[in-house]
Protein backbone atom coordinates (compact mmCIF):
# COMPACT_ATOMS: atom_id res chain seq x y z
CA UNK A 1 -1.58 -0.40 19.78
CA UNK A 2 -1.75 2.90 18.11
CA UNK A 3 0.95 3.64 15.75
CA UNK A 4 2.17 7.19 14.75
CA UNK A 5 2.00 7.34 10.32
CA UNK A 6 6.29 6.96 10.65
CA UNK A 7 5.83 4.37 13.16
CA UNK A 8 3.78 2.35 10.19
CA UNK A 9 5.85 3.08 7.88
CA UNK A 10 9.18 2.05 9.88
CA UNK A 11 7.14 -1.52 10.22
CA UNK A 12 8.37 -2.33 6.54
CA UNK A 13 11.77 -0.29 6.91
CA UNK A 14 10.63 2.62 5.05
CA UNK A 15 11.16 6.38 5.87
CA UNK A 16 8.00 8.92 5.28
CA UNK A 17 9.20 12.07 3.94
CA UNK A 18 6.62 13.75 6.01
CA UNK A 19 5.92 12.64 9.49
CA UNK A 20 2.00 13.92 9.16
CA UNK A 21 0.99 13.36 5.29
CA UNK A 22 3.24 10.71 3.78
CA UNK A 23 1.41 8.83 1.07
CA UNK A 24 4.28 6.71 0.17
CA UNK A 25 7.76 5.30 0.92
CA UNK A 26 10.72 3.23 -0.57
CA UNK A 27 11.40 0.60 2.17
CA UNK A 28 14.81 -0.36 2.76
CA UNK A 29 14.43 -3.90 0.76
CA UNK A 30 13.16 -2.21 -2.38
CA UNK A 31 9.15 -2.81 -1.54
CA UNK A 32 6.78 0.57 -2.36
CA UNK A 33 5.21 1.54 1.02
CA UNK A 34 1.57 2.82 0.51
CA UNK A 35 -0.26 4.97 2.71
CA UNK A 36 -4.05 3.83 1.84
CA UNK A 37 -7.42 5.00 3.02
CA UNK A 38 -10.10 2.62 3.55
CA UNK A 39 -12.87 4.32 1.05
CA UNK A 40 -10.63 2.91 -2.07
CA UNK A 41 -10.96 -0.71 -1.45
CA UNK A 42 -12.93 -3.28 -3.51
CA UNK A 43 -12.41 -6.77 -3.67
CA UNK A 44 -13.04 -8.20 -7.36
CA UNK A 45 -12.36 -11.48 -6.67
CA UNK A 46 -11.88 -14.00 -3.85
CA UNK A 47 -8.69 -13.28 -1.75
CA UNK A 48 -7.81 -10.11 -3.54
CA UNK A 49 -7.75 -6.92 -1.69
CA UNK A 50 -8.02 -3.81 -4.58
CA UNK A 51 -6.95 -0.57 -3.67
CA UNK A 52 -7.74 1.76 -7.11
CA UNK A 53 -7.47 5.81 -6.91
CA UNK A 54 -5.88 8.45 -8.67
CA UNK A 55 -3.12 10.66 -7.83
CA UNK A 56 -5.56 13.75 -8.71
CA UNK A 57 -7.75 12.65 -5.68
CA UNK A 58 -5.19 12.76 -3.39
CA UNK A 59 -5.75 15.17 -0.58
CA UNK A 60 -1.66 16.12 -0.11
CA UNK A 61 0.77 18.64 -0.79
CA UNK A 62 2.14 18.65 -4.25
CA UNK A 63 5.73 17.36 -3.26
CA UNK A 64 3.84 14.05 -1.66
CA UNK A 65 2.05 13.51 -4.45
CA UNK A 66 5.00 13.40 -6.77
CA UNK A 67 6.47 11.13 -4.89
CA UNK A 68 3.71 8.53 -4.91
CA UNK A 69 3.71 9.60 -8.40
CA UNK A 70 7.39 8.64 -8.51
CA UNK A 71 7.34 5.46 -6.21
CA UNK A 72 4.51 4.00 -8.38
CA UNK A 73 6.70 4.10 -11.28
CA UNK A 74 9.69 2.68 -9.56
CA UNK A 75 7.09 -0.07 -8.29
CA UNK A 76 5.48 -0.66 -11.59
CA UNK A 77 8.95 -0.78 -13.71
CA UNK A 78 10.82 -2.73 -11.73
CA UNK A 79 7.97 -5.34 -10.65
CA UNK A 80 8.49 -4.30 -7.20
CA UNK A 81 6.19 -5.35 -4.15
CA UNK A 82 3.90 -3.35 -2.43
CA UNK A 83 2.91 -2.84 1.10
CA UNK A 84 -0.34 -1.91 2.97
CA UNK A 85 -0.69 0.83 5.27
CA UNK A 86 -3.91 1.86 6.40
CA UNK A 87 -4.99 5.13 7.72
CA UNK A 88 -8.95 5.40 9.77
CA UNK A 89 -9.35 8.78 9.60
CA UNK A 90 -10.56 10.01 12.83
CA UNK A 91 -13.81 11.77 12.50
CA UNK A 92 -14.86 12.58 15.90
CA UNK A 93 -11.77 15.12 17.05
CA UNK A 94 -11.16 17.80 14.38
CA UNK A 95 -7.30 18.46 13.28
CA UNK A 96 -6.77 14.75 14.71
CA UNK A 97 -4.88 12.71 11.57
CA UNK A 98 -6.64 9.41 12.74
CA UNK A 99 -4.99 5.59 13.12
CA UNK A 100 -2.41 3.66 11.10
CA UNK A 101 -2.29 0.10 10.94
CA UNK A 102 0.15 -2.51 9.18
CA UNK A 103 -0.86 -4.97 6.67
CA UNK A 104 2.09 -6.97 6.72
CA UNK A 105 0.04 -10.34 5.73
CA UNK A 106 -0.44 -9.02 2.44
CA UNK A 107 1.51 -8.18 -0.74
CA UNK A 108 0.61 -6.01 -3.29
CA UNK A 109 1.52 -5.65 -7.23
CA UNK A 110 0.60 -2.81 -9.11
CA UNK A 111 -1.66 -3.96 -12.26
CA UNK A 112 -2.56 -0.34 -13.37
CA UNK A 113 -0.40 2.88 -12.92
CA UNK A 114 -1.16 5.56 -16.21
CA UNK A 115 0.37 8.32 -14.91
CA UNK A 116 -3.16 9.73 -12.80
CA UNK A 117 -5.12 6.49 -12.19
CA UNK A 118 -3.41 3.36 -10.16
CA UNK A 119 -4.92 0.15 -9.49
CA UNK A 120 -2.93 -2.37 -6.99
CA UNK A 121 -3.85 -6.14 -5.79
CA UNK A 122 -3.04 -7.28 -2.38
CA UNK A 123 -2.98 -10.86 -1.85
CA UNK A 124 -1.62 -13.13 0.71
CA UNK A 125 1.44 -14.85 -0.62
CA UNK A 126 0.71 -18.66 -1.73
CA UNK A 127 2.41 -21.25 0.74
CA UNK A 128 4.59 -23.66 -0.86
CA UNK A 129 2.17 -26.32 -2.41
CA UNK A 130 2.97 -29.97 -1.39
CA UNK A 131 4.36 -31.96 -3.84
CA UNK A 132 1.76 -34.16 -6.11
CA UNK A 133 1.99 -37.89 -5.13
CA UNK A 134 0.48 -40.90 -5.41
CA UNK A 135 -1.00 -39.62 -8.50
CA UNK A 136 -3.21 -41.88 -10.13
CA UNK A 137 -2.85 -42.87 -14.10
């Protein structure tokens, strides 16, 4: 199923400011929703998907970058969860923005944001651990 950028944000209960170029939005539940590019992902540890880039590297208009900065600051300061949208660039058709998909299985946490560079680690939420029974002494 091909989602538009607006549809992808709405999957998380967020309304993007721009229907074509939003990088982030705040969801109704308080989470930050981030529009990610595959080139900025890495795997620093088992079970961790890291997204690392900077505001200065964003190829977007200044309003969109300013909104992203505000959302990152709010999410960092309040330890809010971050939800992921992944934009897959469409290299075949000029003028086409690409495709979008959501990753509801991963939740991010801002590890670093210095006003420009930001790092967000996404992990799968931990299932409740079963109680320890029959422990040996």
